[in-house]
Amino acid sequence: MARRCELTGKGPIKGSKIWRSGKPKKLGGIGTHVTAITKRRFLPNLQRVKAVVNGEVRYIRVAASAIKKGLVVKPPKRTWKAVAEPSKTA
């Protein structure tokens, strides 16, 4: 399953983690130095929500930012109750 928002199209992006050693100058050291740069991925904050899509209710994976923007149309709440089956005591 792709890590991609179904509404905005947000997906993973590439970046890097920078490793530094040394004490910063403002803390009394001689400065920090980069010792390694490793690749990493920044993943979108995907949430599985129930939404109305093309007139039908289904689960979709959307980014949290899309939910905050109001792009997700939530389905109406159910107001009816399930009918209880009659007990067989005969």
PDB file of N, CA and C in Angstrom:
ATOM      1  N   MET A   1       0.848  -1.176   0.000  1.00  0.00           N
ATOM      2  CA  MET A   1       0.000   0.000   0.000  1.00  0.00           C
ATOM      3  C   MET A   1       0.898   1.245   0.000  1.00  0.00           C
ATOM      4  N   ALA A   2       0.634   2.134  -0.918  1.00  0.00           N
ATOM      5  CA  ALA A   2       1.468   3.324  -1.046  1.00  0.00           C
ATOM      6  C   ALA A   2       1.211   4.296   0.102  1.00  0.00           C
ATOM      7  N   ARG A   3       2.271   4.946   0.560  1.00  0.00           N
ATOM      8  CA  ARG A   3       2.138   5.960   1.612  1.00  0.00           C
ATOM      9  C   ARG A   3       1.840   7.295   0.938  1.00  0.00           C
ATOM     10  N   ARG A   4       0.638   7.415   0.410  1.00  0.00           N
ATOM     11  CA  ARG A   4       0.262   8.617  -0.323  1.00  0.00           C
ATOM     12  C   ARG A   4      -1.155   9.017   0.052  1.00  0.00           C
ATOM     13  N   CYS A   5      -1.360  10.326   0.251  1.00  0.00           N
ATOM     14  CA  CYS A   5      -2.677  10.850   0.598  1.00  0.00           C
ATOM     15  C   CYS A   5      -3.583  10.754  -0.628  1.00  0.00           C
ATOM     16  N   GLU A   6      -4.812  10.264  -0.437  1.00  0.00           N
ATOM     17  CA  GLU A   6      -5.728  10.091  -1.561  1.00  0.00           C
ATOM     18  C   GLU A   6      -6.359  11.405  -2.006  1.00  0.00           C
ATOM     19  N   LEU A   7      -6.290  12.447  -1.187  1.00  0.00           N
ATOM     20  CA  LEU A   7      -6.889  13.727  -1.552  1.00  0.00           C
ATOM     21  C   LEU A   7      -5.851  14.742  -2.041  1.00  0.00           C
ATOM     22  N   THR A   8      -4.754  14.872  -1.312  1.00  0.00           N
ATOM     23  CA  THR A   8      -3.761  15.897  -1.666  1.00  0.00           C
ATOM     24  C   THR A   8      -2.601  15.349  -2.474  1.00  0.00           C
ATOM     25  N   GLY A   9      -2.394  14.028  -2.442  1.00  0.00           N
ATOM     26  CA  GLY A   9      -1.279  13.440  -3.183  1.00  0.00           C
ATOM     27  C   GLY A   9       0.051  13.518  -2.457  1.00  0.00           C
ATOM     28  N   LYS A  10       0.027  13.929  -1.188  1.00  0.00           N
ATOM     29  CA  LYS A  10       1.277  14.002  -0.417  1.00  0.00           C
ATOM     30  C   LYS A  10       1.874  12.616  -0.278  1.00  0.00           C
ATOM     31  N   GLY A  11       3.200  12.540  -0.413  1.00  0.00           N
ATOM     32  CA  GLY A  11       3.899  11.275  -0.268  1.00  0.00           C
ATOM     33  C   GLY A  11       5.209  11.481   0.461  1.00  0.00           C
ATOM     34  N   PRO A  12       6.022  10.437   0.557  1.00  0.00           N
ATOM     35  CA  PRO A  12       7.307  10.558   1.225  1.00  0.00           C
ATOM     36  C   PRO A  12       8.244  11.475   0.447  1.00  0.00           C
ATOM     37  N   ILE A  13       9.084  12.219   1.187  1.00  0.00           N
ATOM     38  CA  ILE A  13      10.095  13.049   0.540  1.00  0.00           C
ATOM     39  C   ILE A  13      11.459  12.695   1.126  1.00  0.00           C
ATOM     40  N   LYS A  14      12.497  12.942   0.343  1.00  0.00           N
ATOM     41  CA  LYS A  14      13.846  12.588   0.767  1.00  0.00           C
ATOM     42  C   LYS A  14      14.466  13.727   1.553  1.00  0.00           C
ATOM     43  N   GLY A  15      15.345  13.352   2.461  1.00  0.00           N
ATOM     44  CA  GLY A  15      16.067  14.340   3.245  1.00  0.00           C
ATOM     45  C   GLY A  15      17.304  13.689   3.812  1.00  0.00           C
ATOM     46  N   SER A  16      17.919  14.342   4.787  1.00  0.00           N
ATOM     47  CA  SER A  16      19.107  13.766   5.393  1.00  0.00           C
ATOM     48  C   SER A  16      19.199  14.115   6.859  1.00  0.00           C
ATOM     49  N   LYS A  17      19.846  13.237   7.600  1.00  0.00           N
ATOM     50  CA  LYS A  17      20.121  13.429   9.006  1.00  0.00           C
ATOM     51  C   LYS A  17      21.589  13.815   9.097  1.00  0.00           C
ATOM     52  N   ILE A  18      21.868  14.958   9.707  1.00  0.00           N
ATOM     53  CA  ILE A  18      23.235  15.457   9.811  1.00  0.00           C
ATOM     54  C   ILE A  18      23.758  15.168  11.214  1.00  0.00           C
ATOM     55  N   TRP A  19      24.846  14.395  11.291  1.00  0.00           N
ATOM     56  CA  TRP A  19      25.483  14.072  12.565  1.00  0.00           C
ATOM     57  C   TRP A  19      26.586  15.087  12.812  1.00  0.00           C
ATOM     58  N   ARG A  20      26.575  15.673  14.002  1.00  0.00           N
ATOM     59  CA  ARG A  20      27.584  16.663  14.354  1.00  0.00           C
ATOM     60  C   ARG A  20      28.296  16.237  15.632  1.00  0.00           C
ATOM     61  N   SER A  21      29.550  16.633  15.758  1.00  0.00           N
ATOM     62  CA  SER A  21      30.280  16.391  17.002  1.00  0.00           C
ATOM     63  C   SER A  21      30.971  17.680  17.409  1.00  0.00           C
ATOM     64  N   GLY A  22      31.287  17.782  18.667  1.00  0.00           N
ATOM     65  CA  GLY A  22      31.953  18.974  19.175  1.00  0.00           C
ATOM     66  C   GLY A  22      31.013  19.818  20.006  1.00  0.00           C
ATOM     67  N   LYS A  23      31.594  20.786  20.682  1.00  0.00           N
ATOM     68  CA  LYS A  23      30.835  21.680  21.542  1.00  0.00           C
ATOM     69  C   LYS A  23      30.641  23.017  20.832  1.00  0.00           C
ATOM     70  N   PRO A  24      29.403  23.548  20.809  1.00  0.00           N
ATOM     71  CA  PRO A  24      29.171  24.822  20.120  1.00  0.00           C
ATOM     72  C   PRO A  24      29.999  25.963  20.714  1.00  0.00           C
ATOM     73  N   LYS A  25      30.339  26.917  19.863  1.00  0.00           N
ATOM     74  CA  LYS A  25      31.150  28.054  20.299  1.00  0.00           C
ATOM     75  C   LYS A  25      30.453  28.856  21.390  1.00  0.00           C
ATOM     76  N   LYS A  26      29.140  29.000  21.246  1.00  0.00           N
ATOM     77  CA  LYS A  26      28.442  29.808  22.247  1.00  0.00           C
ATOM     78  C   LYS A  26      28.334  29.117  23.606  1.00  0.00           C
ATOM     79  N   LEU A  27      28.685  27.818  23.654  1.00  0.00           N
ATOM     80  CA  LEU A  27      28.727  27.111  24.927  1.00  0.00           C
ATOM     81  C   LEU A  27      30.166  26.930  25.417  1.00  0.00           C
ATOM     82  N   GLY A  28      31.110  27.626  24.765  1.00  0.00           N
ATOM     83  CA  GLY A  28      32.496  27.600  25.227  1.00  0.00           C
ATOM     84  C   GLY A  28      33.396  26.630  24.497  1.00  0.00           C
ATOM     85  N   GLY A  29      32.907  26.004  23.424  1.00  0.00           N
ATOM     86  CA  GLY A  29      33.740  25.051  22.695  1.00  0.00           C
ATOM     87  C   GLY A  29      34.436  25.698  21.507  1.00  0.00           C
ATOM     88  N   ILE A  30      34.999  24.845  20.650  1.00  0.00           N
ATOM     89  CA  ILE A  30      35.686  25.366  19.466  1.00  0.00           C
ATOM     90  C   ILE A  30      34.815  25.225  18.212  1.00  0.00           C
ATOM     91  N   GLY A  31      33.567  24.801  18.406  1.00  0.00           N
ATOM     92  CA  GLY A  31      32.635  24.697  17.284  1.00  0.00           C
ATOM     93  C   GLY A  31      32.283  23.256  16.962  1.00  0.00           C
ATOM     94  N   THR A  32      31.157  23.072  16.313  1.00  0.00           N
ATOM     95  CA  THR A  32      30.726  21.732  15.931  1.00  0.00           C
ATOM     96  C   THR A  32      31.175  21.440  14.509  1.00  0.00           C
ATOM     97  N   HIS A  33      31.333  20.150  14.222  1.00  0.00           N
ATOM     98  CA  HIS A  33      31.766  19.727  12.894  1.00  0.00           C
ATOM     99  C   HIS A  33      30.850  18.607  12.423  1.00  0.00           C
ATOM    100  N   VAL A  34      30.551  18.586  11.132  1.00  0.00           N
ATOM    101  CA  VAL A  34      29.723  17.531  10.559  1.00  0.00           C
ATOM    102  C   VAL A  34      30.583  16.294  10.404  1.00  0.00           C
ATOM    103  N   THR A  35      30.131  15.178  10.974  1.00  0.00           N
ATOM    104  CA  THR A  35      30.896  13.938  10.884  1.00  0.00           C
ATOM    105  C   THR A  35      30.265  12.945   9.916  1.00  0.00           C
ATOM    106  N   ALA A  36      28.958  13.050   9.671  1.00  0.00           N
ATOM    107  CA  ALA A  36      28.297  12.120   8.746  1.00  0.00           C
ATOM    108  C   ALA A  36      26.963  12.707   8.316  1.00  0.00           C
ATOM    109  N   ILE A  37      26.564  12.359   7.116  1.00  0.00           N
ATOM    110  CA  ILE A  37      25.242  12.719   6.608  1.00  0.00           C
ATOM    111  C   ILE A  37      24.605  11.440   6.090  1.00  0.00           C
ATOM    112  N   THR A  38      23.492  11.033   6.693  1.00  0.00           N
ATOM    113  CA  THR A  38      22.815   9.812   6.271  1.00  0.00           C
ATOM    114  C   THR A  38      21.470  10.172   5.653  1.00  0.00           C
ATOM    115  N   LYS A  39      21.074   9.399   4.662  1.00  0.00           N
ATOM    116  CA  LYS A  39      19.812   9.644   3.983  1.00  0.00           C
ATOM    117  C   LYS A  39      18.652   9.142   4.828  1.00  0.00           C
ATOM    118  N   ARG A  40      17.510   9.816   4.718  1.00  0.00           N
ATOM    119  CA  ARG A  40      16.305   9.377   5.416  1.00  0.00           C
ATOM    120  C   ARG A  40      15.086   9.818   4.625  1.00  0.00           C
ATOM    121  N   ARG A  41      13.907   9.334   5.037  1.00  0.00           N
ATOM    122  CA  ARG A  41      12.649   9.696   4.377  1.00  0.00           C
ATOM    123  C   ARG A  41      11.730  10.358   5.389  1.00  0.00           C
ATOM    124  N   PHE A  42      11.077  11.416   4.955  1.00  0.00           N
ATOM    125  CA  PHE A  42      10.060  12.079   5.767  1.00  0.00           C
ATOM    126  C   PHE A  42       8.710  11.574   5.259  1.00  0.00           C
ATOM    127  N   LEU A  43       7.966  10.873   6.131  1.00  0.00           N
ATOM    128  CA  LEU A  43       6.698  10.277   5.725  1.00  0.00           C
ATOM    129  C   LEU A  43       5.536  11.197   6.099  1.00  0.00           C
ATOM    130  N   PRO A  44       4.485  11.245   5.270  1.00  0.00           N
ATOM    131  CA  PRO A  44       3.321  12.065   5.610  1.00  0.00           C
ATOM    132  C   PRO A  44       2.545  11.457   6.774  1.00  0.00           C
ATOM    133  N   ASN A  45       1.838  12.303   7.503  1.00  0.00           N
ATOM    134  CA  ASN A  45       1.044  11.855   8.654  1.00  0.00           C
ATOM    135  C   ASN A  45      -0.309  11.360   8.137  1.00  0.00           C
ATOM    136  N   LEU A  46      -0.354  10.109   7.698  1.00  0.00           N
ATOM    137  CA  LEU A  46      -1.576   9.544   7.113  1.00  0.00           C
ATOM    138  C   LEU A  46      -2.481   8.965   8.186  1.00  0.00           C
ATOM    139  N   GLN A  47      -3.766   9.215   8.035  1.00  0.00           N
ATOM    140  CA  GLN A  47      -4.780   8.700   8.945  1.00  0.00           C
ATOM    141  C   GLN A  47      -5.830   7.964   8.119  1.00  0.00           C
ATOM    142  N   ARG A  48      -6.368   6.891   8.683  1.00  0.00           N
ATOM    143  CA  ARG A  48      -7.428   6.125   8.013  1.00  0.00           C
ATOM    144  C   ARG A  48      -8.762   6.645   8.542  1.00  0.00           C
ATOM    145  N   VAL A  49      -9.551   7.303   7.669  1.00  0.00           N
ATOM    146  CA  VAL A  49     -10.818   7.886   8.093  1.00  0.00           C
ATOM    147  C   VAL A  49     -11.943   7.407   7.182  1.00  0.00           C
ATOM    148  N   LYS A  50     -13.144   7.400   7.748  1.00  0.00           N
ATOM    149  CA  LYS A  50     -14.335   7.058   6.974  1.00  0.00           C
ATOM    150  C   LYS A  50     -14.836   8.336   6.336  1.00  0.00           C
ATOM    151  N   ALA A  51     -15.050   8.326   5.024  1.00  0.00           N
ATOM    152  CA  ALA A  51     -15.452   9.533   4.314  1.00  0.00           C
ATOM    153  C   ALA A  51     -16.417   9.187   3.191  1.00  0.00           C
ATOM    154  N   VAL A  52     -17.113  10.223   2.706  1.00  0.00           N
ATOM    155  CA  VAL A  52     -18.019  10.056   1.573  1.00  0.00           C
ATOM    156  C   VAL A  52     -17.228  10.347   0.306  1.00  0.00           C
ATOM    157  N   VAL A  53     -17.103   9.316  -0.559  1.00  0.00           N
ATOM    158  CA  VAL A  53     -16.365   9.458  -1.813  1.00  0.00           C
ATOM    159  C   VAL A  53     -17.276   9.005  -2.948  1.00  0.00           C
ATOM    160  N   ASN A  54     -17.568   9.905  -3.861  1.00  0.00           N
ATOM    161  CA  ASN A  54     -18.455   9.622  -4.999  1.00  0.00           C
ATOM    162  C   ASN A  54     -19.807   9.073  -4.544  1.00  0.00           C
ATOM    163  N   GLY A  55     -20.342   9.631  -3.468  1.00  0.00           N
ATOM    164  CA  GLY A  55     -21.656   9.250  -2.988  1.00  0.00           C
ATOM    165  C   GLY A  55     -21.705   8.003  -2.130  1.00  0.00           C
ATOM    166  N   GLU A  56     -20.577   7.329  -1.920  1.00  0.00           N
ATOM    167  CA  GLU A  56     -20.575   6.137  -1.081  1.00  0.00           C
ATOM    168  C   GLU A  56     -19.588   6.321   0.072  1.00  0.00           C
ATOM    169  N   VAL A  57     -19.877   5.648   1.178  1.00  0.00           N
ATOM    170  CA  VAL A  57     -19.041   5.754   2.371  1.00  0.00           C
ATOM    171  C   VAL A  57     -17.967   4.679   2.317  1.00  0.00           C
ATOM    172  N   ARG A  58     -16.706   5.102   2.442  1.00  0.00           N
ATOM    173  CA  ARG A  58     -15.609   4.136   2.465  1.00  0.00           C
ATOM    174  C   ARG A  58     -14.436   4.704   3.244  1.00  0.00           C
ATOM    175  N   TYR A  59     -13.503   3.843   3.591  1.00  0.00           N
ATOM    176  CA  TYR A  59     -12.310   4.274   4.308  1.00  0.00           C
ATOM    177  C   TYR A  59     -11.275   4.768   3.300  1.00  0.00           C
ATOM    178  N   ILE A  60     -10.648   5.887   3.611  1.00  0.00           N
ATOM    179  CA  ILE A  60      -9.565   6.394   2.778  1.00  0.00           C
ATOM    180  C   ILE A  60      -8.401   6.781   3.681  1.00  0.00           C
ATOM    181  N   ARG A  61      -7.208   6.802   3.101  1.00  0.00           N
ATOM    182  CA  ARG A  61      -6.020   7.234   3.834  1.00  0.00           C
ATOM    183  C   ARG A  61      -5.683   8.643   3.398  1.00  0.00           C
ATOM    184  N   VAL A  62      -5.801   9.581   4.333  1.00  0.00           N
ATOM    185  CA  VAL A  62      -5.548  10.986   4.016  1.00  0.00           C
ATOM    186  C   VAL A  62      -4.570  11.581   5.024  1.00  0.00           C
ATOM    187  N   ALA A  63      -3.905  12.646   4.617  1.00  0.00           N
ATOM    188  CA  ALA A  63      -2.972  13.332   5.495  1.00  0.00           C
ATOM    189  C   ALA A  63      -3.747  14.106   6.562  1.00  0.00           C
ATOM    190  N   ALA A  64      -3.135  14.267   7.723  1.00  0.00           N
ATOM    191  CA  ALA A  64      -3.772  15.001   8.814  1.00  0.00           C
ATOM    192  C   ALA A  64      -4.027  16.450   8.412  1.00  0.00           C
ATOM    193  N   SER A  65      -3.168  17.007   7.573  1.00  0.00           N
ATOM    194  CA  SER A  65      -3.357  18.390   7.118  1.00  0.00           C
ATOM    195  C   SER A  65      -4.623  18.517   6.269  1.00  0.00           C
ATOM    196  N   ALA A  66      -4.973  17.467   5.505  1.00  0.00           N
ATOM    197  CA  ALA A  66      -6.192  17.487   4.698  1.00  0.00           C
ATOM    198  C   ALA A  66      -7.426  17.454   5.588  1.00  0.00           C
ATOM    199  N   ILE A  67      -7.342  16.726   6.704  1.00  0.00           N
ATOM    200  CA  ILE A  67      -8.462  16.675   7.645  1.00  0.00           C
ATOM    201  C   ILE A  67      -8.635  18.044   8.291  1.00  0.00           C
ATOM    202  N   LYS A  68      -7.527  18.690   8.675  1.00  0.00           N
ATOM    203  CA  LYS A  68      -7.586  20.007   9.304  1.00  0.00           C
ATOM    204  C   LYS A  68      -8.132  21.065   8.351  1.00  0.00           C
ATOM    205  N   LYS A  69      -7.821  20.940   7.057  1.00  0.00           N
ATOM    206  CA  LYS A  69      -8.305  21.906   6.064  1.00  0.00           C
ATOM    207  C   LYS A  69      -9.781  21.724   5.752  1.00  0.00           C
ATOM    208  N   GLY A  70     -10.352  20.590   6.150  1.00  0.00           N
ATOM    209  CA  GLY A  70     -11.763  20.332   5.899  1.00  0.00           C
ATOM    210  C   GLY A  70     -12.022  19.702   4.550  1.00  0.00           C
ATOM    211  N   LEU A  71     -11.023  19.043   3.969  1.00  0.00           N
ATOM    212  CA  LEU A  71     -11.196  18.414   2.662  1.00  0.00           C
ATOM    213  C   LEU A  71     -11.946  17.093   2.743  1.00  0.00           C
ATOM    214  N   VAL A  72     -12.043  16.523   3.951  1.00  0.00           N
ATOM    215  CA  VAL A  72     -12.711  15.228   4.138  1.00  0.00           C
ATOM    216  C   VAL A  72     -14.167  15.471   4.495  1.00  0.00           C
ATOM    217  N   VAL A  73     -15.085  14.849   3.726  1.00  0.00           N
ATOM    218  CA  VAL A  73     -16.520  14.936   4.014  1.00  0.00           C
ATOM    219  C   VAL A  73     -16.901  13.713   4.820  1.00  0.00           C
ATOM    220  N   LYS A  74     -17.226  13.935   6.092  1.00  0.00           N
ATOM    221  CA  LYS A  74     -17.574  12.827   6.979  1.00  0.00           C
ATOM    222  C   LYS A  74     -18.977  12.321   6.666  1.00  0.00           C
ATOM    223  N   PRO A  75     -19.230  11.023   6.816  1.00  0.00           N
ATOM    224  CA  PRO A  75     -20.576  10.491   6.572  1.00  0.00           C
ATOM    225  C   PRO A  75     -21.517  10.878   7.710  1.00  0.00           C
ATOM    226  N   PRO A  76     -22.830  10.913   7.431  1.00  0.00           N
ATOM    227  CA  PRO A  76     -23.786  11.228   8.505  1.00  0.00           C
ATOM    228  C   PRO A  76     -23.839  10.100   9.530  1.00  0.00           C
ATOM    229  N   LYS A  77     -24.161  10.463  10.753  1.00  0.00           N
ATOM    230  CA  LYS A  77     -24.258   9.476  11.826  1.00  0.00           C
ATOM    231  C   LYS A  77     -25.491   8.603  11.619  1.00  0.00           C
ATOM    232  N   ARG A  78     -25.402   7.339  11.999  1.00  0.00           N
ATOM    233  CA  ARG A  78     -26.551   6.440  11.911  1.00  0.00           C
ATOM    234  C   ARG A  78     -27.533   6.786  13.008  1.00  0.00           C
ATOM    235  N   THR A  79     -28.823   6.872  12.651  1.00  0.00           N
ATOM    236  CA  THR A  79     -29.845   7.189  13.644  1.00  0.00           C
ATOM    237  C   THR A  79     -30.742   6.001  13.947  1.00  0.00           C
ATOM    238  N   TRP A  80     -30.720   4.979  13.125  1.00  0.00           N
ATOM    239  CA  TRP A  80     -31.568   3.815  13.349  1.00  0.00           C
ATOM    240  C   TRP A  80     -30.824   2.797  14.190  1.00  0.00           C
ATOM    241  N   LYS A  81     -31.585   1.964  14.874  1.00  0.00           N
ATOM    242  CA  LYS A  81     -30.996   0.929  15.702  1.00  0.00           C
ATOM    243  C   LYS A  81     -31.247  -0.426  15.057  1.00  0.00           C
ATOM    244  N   ALA A  82     -30.343  -1.325  15.276  1.00  0.00           N
ATOM    245  CA  ALA A  82     -30.477  -2.662  14.713  1.00  0.00           C
ATOM    246  C   ALA A  82     -31.677  -3.363  15.344  1.00  0.00           C
ATOM    247  N   VAL A  83     -32.395  -4.124  14.540  1.00  0.00           N
ATOM    248  CA  VAL A  83     -33.576  -4.835  15.023  1.00  0.00           C
ATOM    249  C   VAL A  83     -33.118  -6.092  15.763  1.00  0.00           C
ATOM    250  N   ALA A  84     -33.589  -6.256  17.001  1.00  0.00           N
ATOM    251  CA  ALA A  84     -33.235  -7.445  17.779  1.00  0.00           C
ATOM    252  C   ALA A  84     -34.040  -8.636  17.271  1.00  0.00           C
ATOM    253  N   GLU A  85     -33.368  -9.769  17.165  1.00  0.00           N
ATOM    254  CA  GLU A  85     -34.041 -10.979  16.687  1.00  0.00           C
ATOM    255  C   GLU A  85     -34.929 -11.519  17.805  1.00  0.00           C
ATOM    256  N   PRO A  86     -36.131 -12.028  17.470  1.00  0.00           N
ATOM    257  CA  PRO A  86     -36.996 -12.611  18.516  1.00  0.00           C
ATOM    258  C   PRO A  86     -36.379 -13.904  19.049  1.00  0.00           C
ATOM    259  N   SER A  87     -36.511 -14.097  20.349  1.00  0.00           N
ATOM    260  CA  SER A  87     -35.928 -15.289  20.965  1.00  0.00           C
ATOM    261  C   SER A  87     -36.806 -16.510  20.679  1.00  0.00           C
ATOM    262  N   LYS A  88     -36.160 -17.676  20.547  1.00  0.00           N
ATOM    263  CA  LYS A  88     -36.889 -18.906  20.234  1.00  0.00           C
ATOM    264  C   LYS A  88     -37.081 -19.688  21.530  1.00  0.00           C
ATOM    265  N   THR A  89     -38.227 -19.481  22.170  1.00  0.00           N
ATOM    266  CA  THR A  89     -38.511 -20.182  23.438  1.00  0.00           C
ATOM    267  C   THR A  89     -39.635 -21.209  23.293  1.00  0.00           C
ATOM    268  N   ALA A  90     -40.044 -21.490  22.081  1.00  0.00           N
ATOM    269  CA  ALA A  90     -41.168 -22.425  21.885  1.00  0.00           C
ATOM    270  C   ALA A  90     -40.718 -23.836  21.751  1.00  0.00           C
TER     271      ALA A  90
END
